[in-house]
Amino acid sequence: MEKKLNTKETFDLAVKKHQEKNYQVAINLYNEVLKVEPTHVDAHNNLGVISEKQGDLQKAKNYYEKAVAIEPNNSNYHTNLGGVFNELGEPQKAISCYEKAIAIDPNFLNAHFNLGTVFNTLGDHQKAINSYEKVITIDHKYLNAHYNLGIIFNTLGDYQKAISCYE
């Protein structure tokens, strides 16, 4: 006789299946959690992560928006939503999400880094530089920030600064 799992056990199993990249089983389990507990924020967020990995950006956006609505003071959820907006070609909405994440957690590296990436894509090099420098101030070993700064300085013709970023 099979034991019925409680919500926590179902969620934990969903996370395990998610980590194993068994996405369909994970999706089914997360949905089971949401049937019992519709405001389970991590189930919404994780469904967003899977949807994004599977290329369904609209569905991912919807899940992340639900997570943000349930728990608006979570910088990670805002950052995930910002990533989807960026992938959907809506950089201003992405910037807004990253700025909200930073307002919640001023030292949240991913939000600063992603913000720098959006600014760089938009050609706003100074704001991108500021974002990447903030990342490096928080964690000087964040190599991608050094690398991206180097690319920007190279693009701007400031080769000495570019070289120093790569060293």
Foldseek 3Di string as FASTA:
>chain_A
DDDDDDLVVLQVVLVVCVVVVVNVSSLVSLVVSCVVPVLPLVSLQSVLVSCVVVVNLVSSLVSLVSSCVSPVLALVSLQSNLVSCVVVVNNVSSLVSLVSSCVSPVLPLSSLQVNLVSCVVVVVNVSSLVSLVSSCVSPVPPLVSLQVNLVSCVVVVVNVSSVVSVD
